[in-house]
Amino acid sequence: MEEEVKSGIERFKAECEKRLPTIKLVIPIRPTGGAFLVSFTHNGVRTSGTIHEDDFADWGEGTNIDAMVSVVKDSVNKLMNSES
């Protein structure tokens, strides 16, 4: 895995944990078809989302951060709404 992708995954994890400290993430080691299927779990409720490898690489390089924050917000909201 490229260093930029690793760095982007770490930024993504940190942003998720900042918004929802008890969130559990599962991100595969390798993408399938250029994308990662990410699992988000909180209080026993699970949801998933697809994030492209290029997006993680961009975030690792410090670009397109607004898109990362948007993905995090949407994913956390989806998870929280599933708990209701």
PDB file of N, CA and C in Angstrom:
ATOM      1  N   MET A   1       0.850  -1.172   0.000  1.00  0.00           N
ATOM      2  CA  MET A   1       0.000   0.000   0.000  1.00  0.00           C
ATOM      3  C   MET A   1       0.900   1.240   0.000  1.00  0.00           C
ATOM      4  N   GLU A   2       0.520   2.198  -0.798  1.00  0.00           N
ATOM      5  CA  GLU A   2       1.281   3.441  -0.885  1.00  0.00           C
ATOM      6  C   GLU A   2       1.212   4.219   0.431  1.00  0.00           C
ATOM      7  N   GLU A   3       2.285   4.954   0.718  1.00  0.00           N
ATOM      8  CA  GLU A   3       2.345   5.739   1.956  1.00  0.00           C
ATOM      9  C   GLU A   3       1.234   6.783   2.025  1.00  0.00           C
ATOM     10  N   GLU A   4       0.896   7.382   0.868  1.00  0.00           N
ATOM     11  CA  GLU A   4      -0.164   8.391   0.855  1.00  0.00           C
ATOM     12  C   GLU A   4      -1.502   7.781   1.261  1.00  0.00           C
ATOM     13  N   VAL A   5      -1.755   6.562   0.806  1.00  0.00           N
ATOM     14  CA  VAL A   5      -3.007   5.879   1.148  1.00  0.00           C
ATOM     15  C   VAL A   5      -3.018   5.569   2.640  1.00  0.00           C
ATOM     16  N   LYS A   6      -1.923   5.055   3.171  1.00  0.00           N
ATOM     17  CA  LYS A   6      -1.835   4.764   4.608  1.00  0.00           C
ATOM     18  C   LYS A   6      -2.078   6.021   5.427  1.00  0.00           C
ATOM     19  N   SER A   7      -1.442   7.099   5.024  1.00  0.00           N
ATOM     20  CA  SER A   7      -1.601   8.368   5.732  1.00  0.00           C
ATOM     21  C   SER A   7      -3.041   8.862   5.658  1.00  0.00           C
ATOM     22  N   GLY A   8      -3.656   8.727   4.497  1.00  0.00           N
ATOM     23  CA  GLY A   8      -5.052   9.135   4.337  1.00  0.00           C
ATOM     24  C   GLY A   8      -5.988   8.312   5.198  1.00  0.00           C
ATOM     25  N   ILE A   9      -5.721   7.018   5.308  1.00  0.00           N
ATOM     26  CA  ILE A   9      -6.541   6.157   6.169  1.00  0.00           C
ATOM     27  C   ILE A   9      -6.401   6.600   7.619  1.00  0.00           C
ATOM     28  N   GLU A  10      -5.188   6.919   8.045  1.00  0.00           N
ATOM     29  CA  GLU A  10      -4.978   7.374   9.420  1.00  0.00           C
ATOM     30  C   GLU A  10      -5.697   8.700   9.680  1.00  0.00           C
ATOM     31  N   ARG A  11      -5.646   9.618   8.724  1.00  0.00           N
ATOM     32  CA  ARG A  11      -6.381  10.891   8.865  1.00  0.00           C
ATOM     33  C   ARG A  11      -7.886  10.639   8.964  1.00  0.00           C
ATOM     34  N   PHE A  12      -8.363   9.732   8.117  1.00  0.00           N
ATOM     35  CA  PHE A  12      -9.781   9.400   8.108  1.00  0.00           C
ATOM     36  C   PHE A  12     -10.204   8.809   9.456  1.00  0.00           C
ATOM     37  N   LYS A  13      -9.410   7.869   9.971  1.00  0.00           N
ATOM     38  CA  LYS A  13      -9.710   7.268  11.275  1.00  0.00           C
ATOM     39  C   LYS A  13      -9.744   8.327  12.362  1.00  0.00           C
ATOM     40  N   ALA A  14      -8.756   9.209  12.365  1.00  0.00           N
ATOM     41  CA  ALA A  14      -8.688  10.254  13.386  1.00  0.00           C
ATOM     42  C   ALA A  14      -9.907  11.171  13.326  1.00  0.00           C
ATOM     43  N   GLU A  15     -10.329  11.526  12.123  1.00  0.00           N
ATOM     44  CA  GLU A  15     -11.505  12.394  11.968  1.00  0.00           C
ATOM     45  C   GLU A  15     -12.766  11.682  12.453  1.00  0.00           C
ATOM     46  N   CYS A  16     -12.895  10.400  12.142  1.00  0.00           N
ATOM     47  CA  CYS A  16     -14.056   9.625  12.615  1.00  0.00           C
ATOM     48  C   CYS A  16     -14.076   9.570  14.140  1.00  0.00           C
ATOM     49  N   GLU A  17     -12.925   9.286  14.742  1.00  0.00           N
ATOM     50  CA  GLU A  17     -12.839   9.173  16.198  1.00  0.00           C
ATOM     51  C   GLU A  17     -13.036  10.517  16.887  1.00  0.00           C
ATOM     52  N   LYS A  18     -12.670  11.606  16.208  1.00  0.00           N
ATOM     53  CA  LYS A  18     -12.894  12.939  16.757  1.00  0.00           C
ATOM     54  C   LYS A  18     -14.395  13.222  16.843  1.00  0.00           C
ATOM     55  N   ARG A  19     -15.134  12.800  15.835  1.00  0.00           N
ATOM     56  CA  ARG A  19     -16.578  13.060  15.792  1.00  0.00           C
ATOM     57  C   ARG A  19     -17.388  12.079  16.631  1.00  0.00           C
ATOM     58  N   LEU A  20     -16.893  10.844  16.745  1.00  0.00           N
ATOM     59  CA  LEU A  20     -17.602   9.812  17.496  1.00  0.00           C
ATOM     60  C   LEU A  20     -16.550   8.908  18.148  1.00  0.00           C
ATOM     61  N   PRO A  21     -16.076   9.289  19.344  1.00  0.00           N
ATOM     62  CA  PRO A  21     -14.923   8.613  19.953  1.00  0.00           C
ATOM     63  C   PRO A  21     -15.056   7.093  20.114  1.00  0.00           C
ATOM     64  N   THR A  22     -16.242   6.581  20.218  1.00  0.00           N
ATOM     65  CA  THR A  22     -16.405   5.139  20.437  1.00  0.00           C
ATOM     66  C   THR A  22     -16.633   4.359  19.145  1.00  0.00           C
ATOM     67  N   ILE A  23     -16.473   5.011  18.003  1.00  0.00           N
ATOM     68  CA  ILE A  23     -16.680   4.339  16.716  1.00  0.00           C
ATOM     69  C   ILE A  23     -15.593   3.293  16.494  1.00  0.00           C
ATOM     70  N   LYS A  24     -15.975   2.196  15.883  1.00  0.00           N
ATOM     71  CA  LYS A  24     -15.030   1.149  15.485  1.00  0.00           C
ATOM     72  C   LYS A  24     -15.040   1.078  13.967  1.00  0.00           C
ATOM     73  N   LEU A  25     -13.857   1.102  13.369  1.00  0.00           N
ATOM     74  CA  LEU A  25     -13.730   1.052  11.917  1.00  0.00           C
ATOM     75  C   LEU A  25     -12.991  -0.214  11.511  1.00  0.00           C
ATOM     76  N   VAL A  26     -13.425  -0.800  10.415  1.00  0.00           N
ATOM     77  CA  VAL A  26     -12.685  -1.894   9.791  1.00  0.00           C
ATOM     78  C   VAL A  26     -12.445  -1.482   8.347  1.00  0.00           C
ATOM     79  N   ILE A  27     -11.159  -1.365   8.027  1.00  0.00           N
ATOM     80  CA  ILE A  27     -10.755  -0.977   6.679  1.00  0.00           C
ATOM     81  C   ILE A  27      -9.832  -2.075   6.166  1.00  0.00           C
ATOM     82  N   PRO A  28     -10.178  -2.703   5.055  1.00  0.00           N
ATOM     83  CA  PRO A  28      -9.341  -3.783   4.531  1.00  0.00           C
ATOM     84  C   PRO A  28      -7.909  -3.312   4.221  1.00  0.00           C
ATOM     85  N   ILE A  29      -7.015  -4.257   4.157  1.00  0.00           N
ATOM     86  CA  ILE A  29      -5.616  -3.952   3.850  1.00  0.00           C
ATOM     87  C   ILE A  29      -5.454  -3.565   2.390  1.00  0.00           C
ATOM     88  N   ARG A  30      -6.229  -4.204   1.516  1.00  0.00           N
ATOM     89  CA  ARG A  30      -6.138  -3.930   0.079  1.00  0.00           C
ATOM     90  C   ARG A  30      -7.513  -3.542  -0.466  1.00  0.00           C
ATOM     91  N   PRO A  31      -7.526  -2.651  -1.429  1.00  0.00           N
ATOM     92  CA  PRO A  31      -8.800  -2.275  -2.048  1.00  0.00           C
ATOM     93  C   PRO A  31      -9.267  -3.353  -3.027  1.00  0.00           C
ATOM     94  N   THR A  32     -10.538  -3.345  -3.287  1.00  0.00           N
ATOM     95  CA  THR A  32     -11.120  -4.208  -4.313  1.00  0.00           C
ATOM     96  C   THR A  32     -11.628  -3.293  -5.420  1.00  0.00           C
ATOM     97  N   GLY A  33     -11.112  -3.482  -6.613  1.00  0.00           N
ATOM     98  CA  GLY A  33     -11.537  -2.641  -7.726  1.00  0.00           C
ATOM     99  C   GLY A  33     -11.240  -1.172  -7.512  1.00  0.00           C
ATOM    100  N   GLY A  34     -10.157  -0.871  -6.773  1.00  0.00           N
ATOM    101  CA  GLY A  34      -9.770   0.518  -6.560  1.00  0.00           C
ATOM    102  C   GLY A  34     -10.498   1.212  -5.426  1.00  0.00           C
ATOM    103  N   ALA A  35     -11.281   0.460  -4.634  1.00  0.00           N
ATOM    104  CA  ALA A  35     -12.027   1.073  -3.531  1.00  0.00           C
ATOM    105  C   ALA A  35     -11.975   0.173  -2.297  1.00  0.00           C
ATOM    106  N   PHE A  36     -12.120   0.798  -1.147  1.00  0.00           N
ATOM    107  CA  PHE A  36     -12.163   0.093   0.128  1.00  0.00           C
ATOM    108  C   PHE A  36     -13.602   0.074   0.631  1.00  0.00           C
ATOM    109  N   LEU A  37     -14.068  -1.081   1.084  1.00  0.00           N
ATOM    110  CA  LEU A  37     -15.365  -1.172   1.738  1.00  0.00           C
ATOM    111  C   LEU A  37     -15.106  -1.021   3.232  1.00  0.00           C
ATOM    112  N   VAL A  38     -15.506   0.107   3.784  1.00  0.00           N
ATOM    113  CA  VAL A  38     -15.231   0.444   5.176  1.00  0.00           C
ATOM    114  C   VAL A  38     -16.454   0.121   6.027  1.00  0.00           C
ATOM    115  N   SER A  39     -16.216  -0.557   7.149  1.00  0.00           N
ATOM    116  CA  SER A  39     -17.281  -0.886   8.095  1.00  0.00           C
ATOM    117  C   SER A  39     -17.193   0.072   9.276  1.00  0.00           C
ATOM    118  N   PHE A  40     -18.333   0.673   9.639  1.00  0.00           N
ATOM    119  CA  PHE A  40     -18.449   1.589  10.765  1.00  0.00           C
ATOM    120  C   PHE A  40     -19.375   0.942  11.787  1.00  0.00           C
ATOM    121  N   THR A  41     -18.938   0.846  13.040  1.00  0.00           N
ATOM    122  CA  THR A  41     -19.772   0.239  14.084  1.00  0.00           C
ATOM    123  C   THR A  41     -19.798   1.153  15.301  1.00  0.00           C
ATOM    124  N   HIS A  42     -20.989   1.273  15.899  1.00  0.00           N
ATOM    125  CA  HIS A  42     -21.160   2.051  17.124  1.00  0.00           C
ATOM    126  C   HIS A  42     -22.345   1.474  17.882  1.00  0.00           C
ATOM    127  N   ASN A  43     -22.140   1.169  19.142  1.00  0.00           N
ATOM    128  CA  ASN A  43     -23.203   0.611  19.987  1.00  0.00           C
ATOM    129  C   ASN A  43     -23.889  -0.594  19.344  1.00  0.00           C
ATOM    130  N   GLY A  44     -23.126  -1.442  18.706  1.00  0.00           N
ATOM    131  CA  GLY A  44     -23.660  -2.652  18.095  1.00  0.00           C
ATOM    132  C   GLY A  44     -24.352  -2.456  16.759  1.00  0.00           C
ATOM    133  N   VAL A  45     -24.418  -1.231  16.284  1.00  0.00           N
ATOM    134  CA  VAL A  45     -25.034  -0.937  14.997  1.00  0.00           C
ATOM    135  C   VAL A  45     -23.915  -0.775  13.976  1.00  0.00           C
ATOM    136  N   ARG A  46     -24.084  -1.405  12.819  1.00  0.00           N
ATOM    137  CA  ARG A  46     -23.049  -1.373  11.789  1.00  0.00           C
ATOM    138  C   ARG A  46     -23.620  -0.842  10.485  1.00  0.00           C
ATOM    139  N   THR A  47     -22.790  -0.088   9.801  1.00  0.00           N
ATOM    140  CA  THR A  47     -23.090   0.353   8.456  1.00  0.00           C
ATOM    141  C   THR A  47     -21.781   0.319   7.674  1.00  0.00           C
ATOM    142  N   SER A  48     -21.867   0.513   6.388  1.00  0.00           N
ATOM    143  CA  SER A  48     -20.649   0.472   5.589  1.00  0.00           C
ATOM    144  C   SER A  48     -20.686   1.542   4.511  1.00  0.00           C
ATOM    145  N   GLY A  49     -19.522   1.802   3.953  1.00  0.00           N
ATOM    146  CA  GLY A  49     -19.403   2.762   2.874  1.00  0.00           C
ATOM    147  C   GLY A  49     -18.196   2.436   2.035  1.00  0.00           C
ATOM    148  N   THR A  50     -18.210   2.878   0.803  1.00  0.00           N
ATOM    149  CA  THR A  50     -17.114   2.641  -0.117  1.00  0.00           C
ATOM    150  C   THR A  50     -16.312   3.923  -0.285  1.00  0.00           C
ATOM    151  N   ILE A  51     -14.988   3.790  -0.123  1.00  0.00           N
ATOM    152  CA  ILE A  51     -14.104   4.939  -0.279  1.00  0.00           C
ATOM    153  C   ILE A  51     -13.015   4.553  -1.273  1.00  0.00           C
ATOM    154  N   HIS A  52     -12.857   5.379  -2.291  1.00  0.00           N
ATOM    155  CA  HIS A  52     -11.889   5.088  -3.343  1.00  0.00           C
ATOM    156  C   HIS A  52     -10.461   5.260  -2.845  1.00  0.00           C
ATOM    157  N   GLU A  53      -9.598   4.412  -3.331  1.00  0.00           N
ATOM    158  CA  GLU A  53      -8.183   4.452  -2.968  1.00  0.00           C
ATOM    159  C   GLU A  53      -7.581   5.824  -3.276  1.00  0.00           C
ATOM    160  N   ASP A  54      -7.965   6.420  -4.397  1.00  0.00           N
ATOM    161  CA  ASP A  54      -7.456   7.744  -4.765  1.00  0.00           C
ATOM    162  C   ASP A  54      -7.848   8.809  -3.746  1.00  0.00           C
ATOM    163  N   ASP A  55      -9.046   8.674  -3.164  1.00  0.00           N
ATOM    164  CA  ASP A  55      -9.472   9.629  -2.142  1.00  0.00           C
ATOM    165  C   ASP A  55      -8.581   9.519  -0.908  1.00  0.00           C
ATOM    166  N   PHE A  56      -8.313   8.288  -0.463  1.00  0.00           N
ATOM    167  CA  PHE A  56      -7.402   8.118   0.670  1.00  0.00           C
ATOM    168  C   PHE A  56      -6.032   8.708   0.347  1.00  0.00           C
ATOM    169  N   ALA A  57      -5.550   8.498  -0.870  1.00  0.00           N
ATOM    170  CA  ALA A  57      -4.245   9.044  -1.276  1.00  0.00           C
ATOM    171  C   ALA A  57      -4.263  10.572  -1.243  1.00  0.00           C
ATOM    172  N   ASP A  58      -5.339  11.169  -1.751  1.00  0.00           N
ATOM    173  CA  ASP A  58      -5.464  12.639  -1.718  1.00  0.00           C
ATOM    174  C   ASP A  58      -5.423  13.142  -0.281  1.00  0.00           C
ATOM    175  N   TRP A  59      -6.181  12.501   0.588  1.00  0.00           N
ATOM    176  CA  TRP A  59      -6.237  12.927   1.994  1.00  0.00           C
ATOM    177  C   TRP A  59      -4.880  12.759   2.649  1.00  0.00           C
ATOM    178  N   GLY A  60      -4.152  11.709   2.280  1.00  0.00           N
ATOM    179  CA  GLY A  60      -2.816  11.495   2.813  1.00  0.00           C
ATOM    180  C   GLY A  60      -1.845  12.574   2.376  1.00  0.00           C
ATOM    181  N   GLU A  61      -2.090  13.137   1.196  1.00  0.00           N
ATOM    182  CA  GLU A  61      -1.258  14.231   0.685  1.00  0.00           C
ATOM    183  C   GLU A  61      -1.740  15.586   1.194  1.00  0.00           C
ATOM    184  N   GLY A  62      -2.833  15.589   1.941  1.00  0.00           N
ATOM    185  CA  GLY A  62      -3.357  16.834   2.501  1.00  0.00           C
ATOM    186  C   GLY A  62      -4.247  17.614   1.564  1.00  0.00           C
ATOM    187  N   THR A  63      -4.715  16.977   0.493  1.00  0.00           N
ATOM    188  CA  THR A  63      -5.613  17.666  -0.437  1.00  0.00           C
ATOM    189  C   THR A  63      -7.018  17.100  -0.300  1.00  0.00           C
ATOM    190  N   ASN A  64      -7.992  17.878  -0.726  1.00  0.00           N
ATOM    191  CA  ASN A  64      -9.392  17.455  -0.744  1.00  0.00           C
ATOM    192  C   ASN A  64      -9.902  17.069   0.642  1.00  0.00           C
ATOM    193  N   ILE A  65      -9.402  17.775   1.669  1.00  0.00           N
ATOM    194  CA  ILE A  65      -9.762  17.468   3.055  1.00  0.00           C
ATOM    195  C   ILE A  65     -11.248  17.719   3.302  1.00  0.00           C
ATOM    196  N   ASP A  66     -11.826  18.716   2.648  1.00  0.00           N
ATOM    197  CA  ASP A  66     -13.259  18.979   2.820  1.00  0.00           C
ATOM    198  C   ASP A  66     -14.089  17.770   2.420  1.00  0.00           C
ATOM    199  N   ALA A  67     -13.665  17.060   1.382  1.00  0.00           N
ATOM    200  CA  ALA A  67     -14.380  15.851   0.959  1.00  0.00           C
ATOM    201  C   ALA A  67     -14.284  14.774   2.030  1.00  0.00           C
ATOM    202  N   MET A  68     -13.117  14.643   2.669  1.00  0.00           N
ATOM    203  CA  MET A  68     -12.959  13.653   3.734  1.00  0.00           C
ATOM    204  C   MET A  68     -13.897  13.971   4.894  1.00  0.00           C
ATOM    205  N   VAL A  69     -13.923  15.220   5.300  1.00  0.00           N
ATOM    206  CA  VAL A  69     -14.787  15.631   6.407  1.00  0.00           C
ATOM    207  C   VAL A  69     -16.246  15.356   6.049  1.00  0.00           C
ATOM    208  N   SER A  70     -16.624  15.599   4.818  1.00  0.00           N
ATOM    209  CA  SER A  70     -17.988  15.329   4.367  1.00  0.00           C
ATOM    210  C   SER A  70     -18.314  13.838   4.441  1.00  0.00           C
ATOM    211  N   VAL A  71     -17.381  12.995   4.005  1.00  0.00           N
ATOM    212  CA  VAL A  71     -17.593  11.545   4.073  1.00  0.00           C
ATOM    213  C   VAL A  71     -17.737  11.105   5.521  1.00  0.00           C
ATOM    214  N   VAL A  72     -16.903  11.645   6.395  1.00  0.00           N
ATOM    215  CA  VAL A  72     -16.974  11.299   7.818  1.00  0.00           C
ATOM    216  C   VAL A  72     -18.325  11.717   8.390  1.00  0.00           C
ATOM    217  N   LYS A  73     -18.731  12.958   8.137  1.00  0.00           N
ATOM    218  CA  LYS A  73     -20.024  13.439   8.646  1.00  0.00           C
ATOM    219  C   LYS A  73     -21.169  12.560   8.156  1.00  0.00           C
ATOM    220  N   ASP A  74     -21.185  12.264   6.864  1.00  0.00           N
ATOM    221  CA  ASP A  74     -22.256  11.441   6.297  1.00  0.00           C
ATOM    222  C   ASP A  74     -22.266  10.047   6.910  1.00  0.00           C
ATOM    223  N   SER A  75     -21.098   9.463   7.078  1.00  0.00           N
ATOM    224  CA  SER A  75     -21.004   8.101   7.620  1.00  0.00           C
ATOM    225  C   SER A  75     -21.443   8.063   9.080  1.00  0.00           C
ATOM    226  N   VAL A  76     -20.997   9.035   9.868  1.00  0.00           N
ATOM    227  CA  VAL A  76     -21.397   9.091  11.278  1.00  0.00           C
ATOM    228  C   VAL A  76     -22.892   9.341  11.386  1.00  0.00           C
ATOM    229  N   ASN A  77     -23.433  10.245  10.582  1.00  0.00           N
ATOM    230  CA  ASN A  77     -24.888  10.498  10.602  1.00  0.00           C
ATOM    231  C   ASN A  77     -25.680   9.258  10.220  1.00  0.00           C
ATOM    232  N   LYS A  78     -25.222   8.551   9.196  1.00  0.00           N
ATOM    233  CA  LYS A  78     -25.888   7.321   8.771  1.00  0.00           C
ATOM    234  C   LYS A  78     -25.891   6.311   9.906  1.00  0.00           C
ATOM    235  N   LEU A  79     -24.781   6.190  10.591  1.00  0.00           N
ATOM    236  CA  LEU A  79     -24.667   5.259  11.706  1.00  0.00           C
ATOM    237  C   LEU A  79     -25.580   5.660  12.854  1.00  0.00           C
ATOM    238  N   MET A  80     -25.577   6.929  13.198  1.00  0.00           N
ATOM    239  CA  MET A  80     -26.399   7.414  14.312  1.00  0.00           C
ATOM    240  C   MET A  80     -27.885   7.293  13.987  1.00  0.00           C
ATOM    241  N   ASN A  81     -28.268   7.557  12.743  1.00  0.00           N
ATOM    242  CA  ASN A  81     -29.670   7.419  12.359  1.00  0.00           C
ATOM    243  C   ASN A  81     -30.120   5.965  12.373  1.00  0.00           C
ATOM    244  N   SER A  82     -29.214   5.048  12.141  1.00  0.00           N
ATOM    245  CA  SER A  82     -29.536   3.627  12.190  1.00  0.00           C
ATOM    246  C   SER A  82     -29.797   3.162  13.610  1.00  0.00           C
ATOM    247  N   GLU A  83     -29.238   3.872  14.582  1.00  0.00           N
ATOM    248  CA  GLU A  83     -29.427   3.516  15.986  1.00  0.00           C
ATOM    249  C   GLU A  83     -30.810   3.885  16.492  1.00  0.00           C
ATOM    250  N   SER A  84     -31.442   4.826  15.836  1.00  0.00           N
ATOM    251  CA  SER A  84     -32.753   5.331  16.324  1.00  0.00           C
ATOM    252  C   SER A  84     -33.836   4.287  16.211  1.00  0.00           C
TER     253      SER A  84
END
